[in-house]
């Protein structure tokens, strides 16, 4: 099953290469938990006096039966100056949460 993916860019230029990478990551998430119903990914540059303007934040909103899993990763370190690293870090957190959710579902 192909999960519907919505991608939102906030204060970041849209990129076909980044869109492609996001779709690949969502496919990998679907391999982790095949009952995902939809996924919304937000790529943004946080607008705060605490967040430097050259850093990225990536959010995943993953809908699964009975729940929405929200993952927000932004970082004060220099790693998130690269949008692909920010995406990778957020994807890894989303994958961990999906695995935990799948495990809880199996134990009930």
PDB file of N, CA and C in Angstrom:
ATOM      1  N   UNK A   1       0.828  -1.183   0.000  1.00  0.00           N
ATOM      2  CA  UNK A   1       0.000   0.000   0.000  1.00  0.00           C
ATOM      3  C   UNK A   1       0.872   1.245   0.000  1.00  0.00           C
ATOM      4  N   UNK A   2       0.522   2.213  -0.763  1.00  0.00           N
ATOM      5  CA  UNK A   2       1.212   3.494  -0.815  1.00  0.00           C
ATOM      6  C   UNK A   2       0.474   4.474   0.088  1.00  0.00           C
ATOM      7  N   UNK A   3       1.135   4.918   1.128  1.00  0.00           N
ATOM      8  CA  UNK A   3       0.533   5.848   2.072  1.00  0.00           C
ATOM      9  C   UNK A   3       0.490   7.242   1.448  1.00  0.00           C
ATOM     10  N   UNK A   4      -0.655   7.941   1.546  1.00  0.00           N
ATOM     11  CA  UNK A   4      -0.701   9.311   1.044  1.00  0.00           C
ATOM     12  C   UNK A   4       0.236  10.202   1.868  1.00  0.00           C
ATOM     13  N   UNK A   5       1.042  10.986   1.168  1.00  0.00           N
ATOM     14  CA  UNK A   5       2.025  11.849   1.823  1.00  0.00           C
ATOM     15  C   UNK A   5       1.735  13.299   1.431  1.00  0.00           C
ATOM     16  N   UNK A   6       1.678  14.151   2.437  1.00  0.00           N
ATOM     17  CA  UNK A   6       1.542  15.585   2.218  1.00  0.00           C
ATOM     18  C   UNK A   6       2.832  16.233   2.707  1.00  0.00           C
ATOM     19  N   UNK A   7       3.407  17.094   1.881  1.00  0.00           N
ATOM     20  CA  UNK A   7       4.651  17.773   2.253  1.00  0.00           C
ATOM     21  C   UNK A   7       4.381  19.271   2.268  1.00  0.00           C
ATOM     22  N   UNK A   8       4.748  19.908   3.367  1.00  0.00           N
ATOM     23  CA  UNK A   8       4.579  21.348   3.517  1.00  0.00           C
ATOM     24  C   UNK A   8       5.945  21.980   3.756  1.00  0.00           C
ATOM     25  N   UNK A   9       6.216  23.039   3.012  1.00  0.00           N
ATOM     26  CA  UNK A   9       7.448  23.807   3.193  1.00  0.00           C
ATOM     27  C   UNK A   9       7.085  25.149   3.814  1.00  0.00           C
ATOM     28  N   UNK A  10       7.774  25.515   4.893  1.00  0.00           N
ATOM     29  CA  UNK A  10       7.564  26.808   5.545  1.00  0.00           C
ATOM     30  C   UNK A  10       8.895  27.557   5.579  1.00  0.00           C
ATOM     31  N   UNK A  11       8.946  28.646   4.868  1.00  0.00           N
ATOM     32  CA  UNK A  11      10.163  29.461   4.777  1.00  0.00           C
ATOM     33  C   UNK A  11      11.343  28.673   4.218  1.00  0.00           C
ATOM     34  N   UNK A  12      11.033  27.676   3.390  1.00  0.00           N
ATOM     35  CA  UNK A  12      12.033  26.847   2.722  1.00  0.00           C
ATOM     36  C   UNK A  12      11.545  26.661   1.291  1.00  0.00           C
ATOM     37  N   UNK A  13      12.440  26.767   0.338  1.00  0.00           N
ATOM     38  CA  UNK A  13      12.065  26.543  -1.054  1.00  0.00           C
ATOM     39  C   UNK A  13      11.795  25.064  -1.297  1.00  0.00           C
ATOM     40  N   UNK A  14      10.732  24.783  -2.052  1.00  0.00           N
ATOM     41  CA  UNK A  14      10.391  23.409  -2.404  1.00  0.00           C
ATOM     42  C   UNK A  14      11.491  22.853  -3.293  1.00  0.00           C
ATOM     43  N   UNK A  15      11.772  21.562  -3.120  1.00  0.00           N
ATOM     44  CA  UNK A  15      12.821  20.897  -3.883  1.00  0.00           C
ATOM     45  C   UNK A  15      12.321  19.523  -4.315  1.00  0.00           C
ATOM     46  N   UNK A  16      12.436  19.234  -5.614  1.00  0.00           N
ATOM     47  CA  UNK A  16      12.043  17.911  -6.105  1.00  0.00           C
ATOM     48  C   UNK A  16      12.899  16.817  -5.483  1.00  0.00           C
ATOM     49  N   UNK A  17      14.186  17.090  -5.314  1.00  0.00           N
ATOM     50  CA  UNK A  17      15.085  16.097  -4.713  1.00  0.00           C
ATOM     51  C   UNK A  17      14.685  15.816  -3.264  1.00  0.00           C
ATOM     52  N   UNK A  18      14.332  16.859  -2.528  1.00  0.00           N
ATOM     53  CA  UNK A  18      13.908  16.673  -1.145  1.00  0.00           C
ATOM     54  C   UNK A  18      12.561  15.957  -1.088  1.00  0.00           C
ATOM     55  N   UNK A  19      11.642  16.309  -1.984  1.00  0.00           N
ATOM     56  CA  UNK A  19      10.359  15.590  -2.060  1.00  0.00           C
ATOM     57  C   UNK A  19      10.591  14.099  -2.274  1.00  0.00           C
ATOM     58  N   UNK A  20      11.485  13.770  -3.187  1.00  0.00           N
ATOM     59  CA  UNK A  20      11.787  12.376  -3.487  1.00  0.00           C
ATOM     60  C   UNK A  20      12.353  11.662  -2.260  1.00  0.00           C
ATOM     61  N   UNK A  21      13.238  12.334  -1.541  1.00  0.00           N
ATOM     62  CA  UNK A  21      13.835  11.743  -0.340  1.00  0.00           C
ATOM     63  C   UNK A  21      12.778  11.526   0.741  1.00  0.00           C
ATOM     64  N   UNK A  22      11.868  12.476   0.887  1.00  0.00           N
ATOM     65  CA  UNK A  22      10.796  12.341   1.878  1.00  0.00           C
ATOM     66  C   UNK A  22       9.911  11.139   1.535  1.00  0.00           C
ATOM     67  N   UNK A  23       9.539  11.000   0.265  1.00  0.00           N
ATOM     68  CA  UNK A  23       8.716   9.853  -0.143  1.00  0.00           C
ATOM     69  C   UNK A  23       9.446   8.535   0.138  1.00  0.00           C
ATOM     70  N   UNK A  24      10.740   8.509  -0.095  1.00  0.00           N
ATOM     71  CA  UNK A  24      11.533   7.307   0.193  1.00  0.00           C
ATOM     72  C   UNK A  24      11.488   6.990   1.693  1.00  0.00           C
ATOM     73  N   UNK A  25      11.658   8.016   2.530  1.00  0.00           N
ATOM     74  CA  UNK A  25      11.645   7.806   3.985  1.00  0.00           C
ATOM     75  C   UNK A  25      10.267   7.319   4.447  1.00  0.00           C
ATOM     76  N   UNK A  26       9.205   7.860   3.872  1.00  0.00           N
ATOM     77  CA  UNK A  26       7.857   7.417   4.254  1.00  0.00           C
ATOM     78  C   UNK A  26       7.639   5.959   3.838  1.00  0.00           C
ATOM     79  N   UNK A  27       8.144   5.569   2.678  1.00  0.00           N
ATOM     80  CA  UNK A  27       8.059   4.165   2.267  1.00  0.00           C
ATOM     81  C   UNK A  27       8.771   3.269   3.278  1.00  0.00           C
ATOM     82  N   UNK A  28       9.916   3.711   3.779  1.00  0.00           N
ATOM     83  CA  UNK A  28      10.646   2.939   4.785  1.00  0.00           C
ATOM     84  C   UNK A  28       9.849   2.856   6.091  1.00  0.00           C
ATOM     85  N   UNK A  29       9.165   3.965   6.448  1.00  0.00           N
ATOM     86  CA  UNK A  29       8.323   3.933   7.641  1.00  0.00           C
ATOM     87  C   UNK A  29       7.186   2.934   7.464  1.00  0.00           C
ATOM     88  N   UNK A  30       6.649   2.880   6.264  1.00  0.00           N
ATOM     89  CA  UNK A  30       5.563   1.948   5.986  1.00  0.00           C
ATOM     90  C   UNK A  30       6.040   0.499   6.116  1.00  0.00           C
ATOM     91  N   UNK A  31       7.291   0.243   5.816  1.00  0.00           N
ATOM     92  CA  UNK A  31       7.848  -1.097   6.012  1.00  0.00           C
ATOM     93  C   UNK A  31       7.927  -1.425   7.502  1.00  0.00           C
ATOM     94  N   UNK A  32       8.134  -0.406   8.320  1.00  0.00           N
ATOM     95  CA  UNK A  32       8.197  -0.592   9.767  1.00  0.00           C
ATOM     96  C   UNK A  32       6.821  -0.906  10.341  1.00  0.00           C
ATOM     97  N   UNK A  33       5.790  -0.195   9.839  1.00  0.00           N
ATOM     98  CA  UNK A  33       4.421  -0.400  10.301  1.00  0.00           C
ATOM     99  C   UNK A  33       3.491  -0.221   9.110  1.00  0.00           C
ATOM    100  N   UNK A  34       2.961  -1.317   8.609  1.00  0.00           N
ATOM    101  CA  UNK A  34       2.207  -1.284   7.352  1.00  0.00           C
ATOM    102  C   UNK A  34       0.757  -0.828   7.498  1.00  0.00           C
ATOM    103  N   UNK A  35       0.362  -0.406   8.698  1.00  0.00           N
ATOM    104  CA  UNK A  35      -1.016   0.054   8.892  1.00  0.00           C
ATOM    105  C   UNK A  35      -1.108   1.575   8.970  1.00  0.00           C
ATOM    106  N   UNK A  36      -0.073   2.267   8.531  1.00  0.00           N
ATOM    107  CA  UNK A  36      -0.137   3.727   8.459  1.00  0.00           C
ATOM    108  C   UNK A  36      -1.238   4.108   7.472  1.00  0.00           C
ATOM    109  N   UNK A  37      -1.986   5.177   7.801  1.00  0.00           N
ATOM    110  CA  UNK A  37      -3.050   5.594   6.895  1.00  0.00           C
ATOM    111  C   UNK A  37      -2.689   6.865   6.129  1.00  0.00           C
ATOM    112  N   UNK A  38      -1.828   7.707   6.700  1.00  0.00           N
ATOM    113  CA  UNK A  38      -1.355   8.903   5.999  1.00  0.00           C
ATOM    114  C   UNK A  38      -0.161   9.473   6.743  1.00  0.00           C
ATOM    115  N   UNK A  39       0.537  10.369   6.065  1.00  0.00           N
ATOM    116  CA  UNK A  39       1.717  10.988   6.659  1.00  0.00           C
ATOM    117  C   UNK A  39       1.823  12.427   6.151  1.00  0.00           C
ATOM    118  N   UNK A  40       2.071  13.340   7.068  1.00  0.00           N
ATOM    119  CA  UNK A  40       2.278  14.745   6.725  1.00  0.00           C
ATOM    120  C   UNK A  40       3.668  15.129   7.213  1.00  0.00           C
ATOM    121  N   UNK A  41       4.488  15.656   6.319  1.00  0.00           N
ATOM    122  CA  UNK A  41       5.849  16.060   6.656  1.00  0.00           C
ATOM    123  C   UNK A  41       5.948  17.570   6.468  1.00  0.00           C
ATOM    124  N   UNK A  42       6.484  18.238   7.470  1.00  0.00           N
ATOM    125  CA  UNK A  42       6.682  19.686   7.405  1.00  0.00           C
ATOM    126  C   UNK A  42       8.179  19.964   7.497  1.00  0.00           C
ATOM    127  N   UNK A  43       8.675  20.718   6.523  1.00  0.00           N
ATOM    128  CA  UNK A  43      10.069  21.174   6.511  1.00  0.00           C
ATOM    129  C   UNK A  43      10.005  22.677   6.738  1.00  0.00           C
ATOM    130  N   UNK A  44      10.690  23.156   7.763  1.00  0.00           N
ATOM    131  CA  UNK A  44      10.616  24.586   8.034  1.00  0.00           C
ATOM    132  C   UNK A  44      11.916  25.129   8.612  1.00  0.00           C
ATOM    133  N   UNK A  45      11.992  26.430   8.547  1.00  0.00           N
ATOM    134  CA  UNK A  45      13.027  27.173   9.262  1.00  0.00           C
ATOM    135  C   UNK A  45      12.302  27.855  10.415  1.00  0.00           C
ATOM    136  N   UNK A  46      12.588  27.432  11.644  1.00  0.00           N
ATOM    137  CA  UNK A  46      11.882  28.017  12.791  1.00  0.00           C
ATOM    138  C   UNK A  46      12.063  29.529  12.844  1.00  0.00           C
ATOM    139  N   UNK A  47      10.979  30.223  13.124  1.00  0.00           N
ATOM    140  CA  UNK A  47      11.000  31.678  13.218  1.00  0.00           C
ATOM    141  C   UNK A  47      10.941  32.072  14.685  1.00  0.00           C
ATOM    142  N   UNK A  48      12.086  32.067  15.319  1.00  0.00           N
ATOM    143  CA  UNK A  48      12.172  32.394  16.733  1.00  0.00           C
ATOM    144  C   UNK A  48      13.484  33.112  16.975  1.00  0.00           C
ATOM    145  N   UNK A  49      13.482  33.988  17.953  1.00  0.00           N
ATOM    146  CA  UNK A  49      14.734  34.661  18.270  1.00  0.00           C
ATOM    147  C   UNK A  49      15.729  33.701  18.916  1.00  0.00           C
ATOM    148  N   UNK A  50      15.244  32.525  19.362  1.00  0.00           N
ATOM    149  CA  UNK A  50      16.126  31.505  19.942  1.00  0.00           C
ATOM    150  C   UNK A  50      16.719  30.570  18.895  1.00  0.00           C
ATOM    151  N   UNK A  51      16.079  30.476  17.741  1.00  0.00           N
ATOM    152  CA  UNK A  51      16.518  29.537  16.698  1.00  0.00           C
ATOM    153  C   UNK A  51      17.234  30.297  15.589  1.00  0.00           C
ATOM    154  N   UNK A  52      18.482  29.949  15.322  1.00  0.00           N
ATOM    155  CA  UNK A  52      19.193  30.585  14.211  1.00  0.00           C
ATOM    156  C   UNK A  52      18.474  30.329  12.888  1.00  0.00           C
ATOM    157  N   UNK A  53      18.507  31.286  11.995  1.00  0.00           N
ATOM    158  CA  UNK A  53      17.755  31.192  10.742  1.00  0.00           C
ATOM    159  C   UNK A  53      18.312  30.159   9.767  1.00  0.00           C
ATOM    160  N   UNK A  54      19.523  29.689   9.976  1.00  0.00           N
ATOM    161  CA  UNK A  54      20.103  28.735   9.035  1.00  0.00           C
ATOM    162  C   UNK A  54      19.888  27.287   9.474  1.00  0.00           C
ATOM    163  N   UNK A  55      18.989  27.041  10.412  1.00  0.00           N
ATOM    164  CA  UNK A  55      18.706  25.688  10.878  1.00  0.00           C
ATOM    165  C   UNK A  55      17.337  25.244  10.387  1.00  0.00           C
ATOM    166  N   UNK A  56      17.186  23.933  10.228  1.00  0.00           N
ATOM    167  CA  UNK A  56      15.932  23.359   9.752  1.00  0.00           C
ATOM    168  C   UNK A  56      15.266  22.558  10.856  1.00  0.00           C
ATOM    169  N   UNK A  57      13.962  22.502  10.794  1.00  0.00           N
ATOM    170  CA  UNK A  57      13.169  21.620  11.652  1.00  0.00           C
ATOM    171  C   UNK A  57      12.318  20.757  10.728  1.00  0.00           C
ATOM    172  N   UNK A  58      12.200  19.485  11.073  1.00  0.00           N
ATOM    173  CA  UNK A  58      11.398  18.551  10.279  1.00  0.00           C
ATOM    174  C   UNK A  58      10.413  17.872  11.222  1.00  0.00           C
ATOM    175  N   UNK A  59       9.139  17.876  10.822  1.00  0.00           N
ATOM    176  CA  UNK A  59       8.076  17.282  11.624  1.00  0.00           C
ATOM    177  C   UNK A  59       7.386  16.192  10.810  1.00  0.00           C
ATOM    178  N   UNK A  60       7.072  15.099  11.479  1.00  0.00           N
ATOM    179  CA  UNK A  60       6.266  14.032  10.881  1.00  0.00           C
ATOM    180  C   UNK A  60       4.963  13.944  11.666  1.00  0.00           C
ATOM    181  N   UNK A  61       3.857  13.923  10.972  1.00  0.00           N
ATOM    182  CA  UNK A  61       2.554  13.608  11.553  1.00  0.00           C
ATOM    183  C   UNK A  61       2.075  12.330  10.879  1.00  0.00           C
ATOM    184  N   UNK A  62       2.082  11.235  11.621  1.00  0.00           N
ATOM    185  CA  UNK A  62       1.776   9.921  11.047  1.00  0.00           C
ATOM    186  C   UNK A  62       0.463   9.418  11.627  1.00  0.00           C
ATOM    187  N   UNK A  63      -0.498   9.186  10.754  1.00  0.00           N
ATOM    188  CA  UNK A  63      -1.782   8.655  11.199  1.00  0.00           C
ATOM    189  C   UNK A  63      -1.758   7.136  11.123  1.00  0.00           C
ATOM    190  N   UNK A  64      -2.117   6.528  12.258  1.00  0.00           N
ATOM    191  CA  UNK A  64      -2.237   5.080  12.374  1.00  0.00           C
ATOM    192  C   UNK A  64      -3.611   4.818  13.000  1.00  0.00           C
ATOM    193  N   UNK A  65      -4.122   3.611  12.937  1.00  0.00           N
ATOM    194  CA  UNK A  65      -5.446   3.352  13.514  1.00  0.00           C
ATOM    195  C   UNK A  65      -5.530   3.786  14.981  1.00  0.00           C
ATOM    196  N   UNK A  66      -6.429   4.721  15.241  1.00  0.00           N
ATOM    197  CA  UNK A  66      -6.674   5.154  16.612  1.00  0.00           C
ATOM    198  C   UNK A  66      -5.704   6.170  17.172  1.00  0.00           C
ATOM    199  N   UNK A  67      -4.784   6.685  16.371  1.00  0.00           N
ATOM    200  CA  UNK A  67      -3.783   7.580  16.938  1.00  0.00           C
ATOM    201  C   UNK A  67      -3.088   8.382  15.841  1.00  0.00           C
ATOM    202  N   UNK A  68      -2.566   9.537  16.241  1.00  0.00           N
ATOM    203  CA  UNK A  68      -1.657  10.281  15.375  1.00  0.00           C
ATOM    204  C   UNK A  68      -0.338  10.398  16.114  1.00  0.00           C
ATOM    205  N   UNK A  69       0.718   9.942  15.477  1.00  0.00           N
ATOM    206  CA  UNK A  69       2.059  10.022  16.051  1.00  0.00           C
ATOM    207  C   UNK A  69       2.711  11.293  15.527  1.00  0.00           C
ATOM    208  N   UNK A  70       3.107  12.161  16.434  1.00  0.00           N
ATOM    209  CA  UNK A  70       3.735  13.428  16.064  1.00  0.00           C
ATOM    210  C   UNK A  70       5.208  13.381  16.446  1.00  0.00           C
ATOM    211  N   UNK A  71       6.046  13.743  15.494  1.00  0.00           N
ATOM    212  CA  UNK A  71       7.490  13.790  15.733  1.00  0.00           C
ATOM    213  C   UNK A  71       7.980  15.147  15.279  1.00  0.00           C
ATOM    214  N   UNK A  72       8.652  15.843  16.176  1.00  0.00           N
ATOM    215  CA  UNK A  72       9.222  17.149  15.842  1.00  0.00           C
ATOM    216  C   UNK A  72      10.687  17.125  16.234  1.00  0.00           C
ATOM    217  N   UNK A  73      11.531  17.366  15.272  1.00  0.00           N
ATOM    218  CA  UNK A  73      12.961  17.408  15.538  1.00  0.00           C
ATOM    219  C   UNK A  73      13.532  18.698  14.975  1.00  0.00           C
ATOM    220  N   UNK A  74      14.023  19.517  15.881  1.00  0.00           N
ATOM    221  CA  UNK A  74      14.841  20.641  15.471  1.00  0.00           C
ATOM    222  C   UNK A  74      15.984  20.680  16.465  1.00  0.00           C
ATOM    223  N   UNK A  75      17.067  21.239  16.076  1.00  0.00           N
ATOM    224  CA  UNK A  75      18.264  21.127  16.886  1.00  0.00           C
ATOM    225  C   UNK A  75      19.007  22.436  16.903  1.00  0.00           C
ATOM    226  N   UNK A  76      19.629  22.686  18.018  1.00  0.00           N
ATOM    227  CA  UNK A  76      20.451  23.887  18.137  1.00  0.00           C
ATOM    228  C   UNK A  76      21.872  23.631  17.631  1.00  0.00           C
ATOM    229  N   UNK A  77      22.186  22.371  17.353  1.00  0.00           N
ATOM    230  CA  UNK A  77      23.552  22.110  16.883  1.00  0.00           C
ATOM    231  C   UNK A  77      23.661  22.344  15.379  1.00  0.00           C
ATOM    232  N   UNK A  78      24.865  22.294  14.885  1.00  0.00           N
ATOM    233  CA  UNK A  78      25.113  22.611  13.480  1.00  0.00           C
ATOM    234  C   UNK A  78      24.639  21.531  12.521  1.00  0.00           C
ATOM    235  N   UNK A  79      24.308  20.349  13.020  1.00  0.00           N
ATOM    236  CA  UNK A  79      23.865  19.265  12.140  1.00  0.00           C
ATOM    237  C   UNK A  79      22.611  19.646  11.371  1.00  0.00           C
ATOM    238  N   UNK A  80      21.745  20.415  11.990  1.00  0.00           N
ATOM    239  CA  UNK A  80      20.485  20.747  11.335  1.00  0.00           C
ATOM    240  C   UNK A  80      20.601  21.949  10.405  1.00  0.00           C
ATOM    241  N   UNK A  81      21.815  22.344  10.093  1.00  0.00           N
ATOM    242  CA  UNK A  81      22.026  23.323   9.037  1.00  0.00           C
ATOM    243  C   UNK A  81      21.855  22.658   7.676  1.00  0.00           C
ATOM    244  N   UNK A  82      21.884  21.341   7.640  1.00  0.00           N
ATOM    245  CA  UNK A  82      21.660  20.546   6.432  1.00  0.00           C
ATOM    246  C   UNK A  82      20.274  19.921   6.536  1.00  0.00           C
ATOM    247  N   UNK A  83      19.386  20.264   5.607  1.00  0.00           N
ATOM    248  CA  UNK A  83      18.014  19.786   5.671  1.00  0.00           C
ATOM    249  C   UNK A  83      17.932  18.261   5.585  1.00  0.00           C
ATOM    250  N   UNK A  84      18.867  17.638   4.890  1.00  0.00           N
ATOM    251  CA  UNK A  84      18.835  16.176   4.764  1.00  0.00           C
ATOM    252  C   UNK A  84      19.197  15.497   6.088  1.00  0.00           C
ATOM    253  N   UNK A  85      20.082  16.094   6.857  1.00  0.00           N
ATOM    254  CA  UNK A  85      20.408  15.543   8.179  1.00  0.00           C
ATOM    255  C   UNK A  85      19.231  15.740   9.120  1.00  0.00           C
ATOM    256  N   UNK A  86      18.598  16.901   9.047  1.00  0.00           N
ATOM    257  CA  UNK A  86      17.407  17.144   9.864  1.00  0.00           C
ATOM    258  C   UNK A  86      16.316  16.126   9.524  1.00  0.00           C
ATOM    259  N   UNK A  87      16.133  15.834   8.231  1.00  0.00           N
ATOM    260  CA  UNK A  87      15.157  14.837   7.801  1.00  0.00           C
ATOM    261  C   UNK A  87      15.527  13.456   8.341  1.00  0.00           C
ATOM    262  N   UNK A  88      16.786  13.092   8.239  1.00  0.00           N
ATOM    263  CA  UNK A  88      17.229  11.788   8.722  1.00  0.00           C
ATOM    264  C   UNK A  88      16.974  11.643  10.223  1.00  0.00           C
ATOM    265  N   UNK A  89      17.303  12.671  10.999  1.00  0.00           N
ATOM    266  CA  UNK A  89      17.103  12.612  12.452  1.00  0.00           C
ATOM    267  C   UNK A  89      15.624  12.487  12.807  1.00  0.00           C
ATOM    268  N   UNK A  90      14.782  13.236  12.118  1.00  0.00           N
ATOM    269  CA  UNK A  90      13.349  13.170  12.379  1.00  0.00           C
ATOM    270  C   UNK A  90      12.787  11.810  11.956  1.00  0.00           C
ATOM    271  N   UNK A  91      13.237  11.307  10.813  1.00  0.00           N
ATOM    272  CA  UNK A  91      12.810   9.987  10.340  1.00  0.00           C
ATOM    273  C   UNK A  91      13.170   8.910  11.370  1.00  0.00           C
ATOM    274  N   UNK A  92      14.383   8.961  11.911  1.00  0.00           N
ATOM    275  CA  UNK A  92      14.806   7.957  12.887  1.00  0.00           C
ATOM    276  C   UNK A  92      13.928   7.993  14.138  1.00  0.00           C
ATOM    277  N   UNK A  93      13.570   9.197  14.577  1.00  0.00           N
ATOM    278  CA  UNK A  93      12.682   9.323  15.737  1.00  0.00           C
ATOM    279  C   UNK A  93      11.289   8.776  15.401  1.00  0.00           C
ATOM    280  N   UNK A  94      10.795   9.072  14.204  1.00  0.00           N
ATOM    281  CA  UNK A  94       9.484   8.571  13.785  1.00  0.00           C
ATOM    282  C   UNK A  94       9.501   7.047  13.713  1.00  0.00           C
ATOM    283  N   UNK A  95      10.568   6.498  13.190  1.00  0.00           N
ATOM    284  CA  UNK A  95      10.684   5.036  13.073  1.00  0.00           C
ATOM    285  C   UNK A  95      10.671   4.381  14.456  1.00  0.00           C
ATOM    286  N   UNK A  96      11.402   4.969  15.411  1.00  0.00           N
ATOM    287  CA  UNK A  96      11.403   4.439  16.782  1.00  0.00           C
ATOM    288  C   UNK A  96       9.993   4.463  17.371  1.00  0.00           C
ATOM    289  N   UNK A  97       9.289   5.579  17.183  1.00  0.00           N
ATOM    290  CA  UNK A  97       7.943   5.685  17.744  1.00  0.00           C
ATOM    291  C   UNK A  97       6.985   4.699  17.079  1.00  0.00           C
ATOM    292  N   UNK A  98       7.116   4.505  15.768  1.00  0.00           N
ATOM    293  CA  UNK A  98       6.272   3.524  15.089  1.00  0.00           C
ATOM    294  C   UNK A  98       6.557   2.113  15.589  1.00  0.00           C
ATOM    295  N   UNK A  99       7.828   1.779  15.798  1.00  0.00           N
ATOM    296  CA  UNK A  99       8.175   0.454  16.327  1.00  0.00           C
ATOM    297  C   UNK A  99       7.568   0.253  17.709  1.00  0.00           C
ATOM    298  N   UNK A 100       7.653   1.274  18.562  1.00  0.00           N
ATOM    299  CA  UNK A 100       7.072   1.176  19.902  1.00  0.00           C
ATOM    300  C   UNK A 100       5.557   1.000  19.829  1.00  0.00           C
ATOM    301  N   UNK A 101       4.925   1.749  18.940  1.00  0.00           N
ATOM    302  CA  UNK A 101       3.481   1.639  18.765  1.00  0.00           C
ATOM    303  C   UNK A 101       3.108   0.235  18.276  1.00  0.00           C
ATOM    304  N   UNK A 102       3.828  -0.279  17.299  1.00  0.00           N
ATOM    305  CA  UNK A 102       3.557  -1.619  16.764  1.00  0.00           C
ATOM    306  C   UNK A 102       3.720  -2.680  17.853  1.00  0.00           C
ATOM    307  N   UNK A 103       4.727  -2.505  18.684  1.00  0.00           N
ATOM    308  CA  UNK A 103       4.952  -3.452  19.781  1.00  0.00           C
ATOM    309  C   UNK A 103       3.798  -3.415  20.780  1.00  0.00           C
ATOM    310  N   UNK A 104       3.336  -2.224  21.118  1.00  0.00           N
ATOM    311  CA  UNK A 104       2.188  -2.105  22.035  1.00  0.00           C
ATOM    312  C   UNK A 104       0.936  -2.753  21.431  1.00  0.00           C
ATOM    313  N   UNK A 105       0.747  -2.587  20.128  1.00  0.00           N
ATOM    314  CA  UNK A 105      -0.413  -3.184  19.456  1.00  0.00           C
ATOM    315  C   UNK A 105      -0.333  -4.720  19.498  1.00  0.00           C
ATOM    316  N   UNK A 106       0.875  -5.257  19.325  1.00  0.00           N
ATOM    317  CA  UNK A 106       1.045  -6.719  19.350  1.00  0.00           C
ATOM    318  C   UNK A 106       0.804  -7.292  20.745  1.00  0.00           C
ATOM    319  N   UNK A 107       1.120  -6.514  21.782  1.00  0.00           N
ATOM    320  CA  UNK A 107       0.998  -7.004  23.167  1.00  0.00           C
ATOM    321  C   UNK A 107      -0.405  -6.867  23.729  1.00  0.00           C
ATOM    322  N   UNK A 108      -1.311  -6.270  22.983  1.00  0.00           N
ATOM    323  CA  UNK A 108      -2.687  -6.127  23.463  1.00  0.00           C
ATOM    324  C   UNK A 108      -3.611  -7.093  22.795  1.00  0.00           C
TER     325      UNK A 108
END
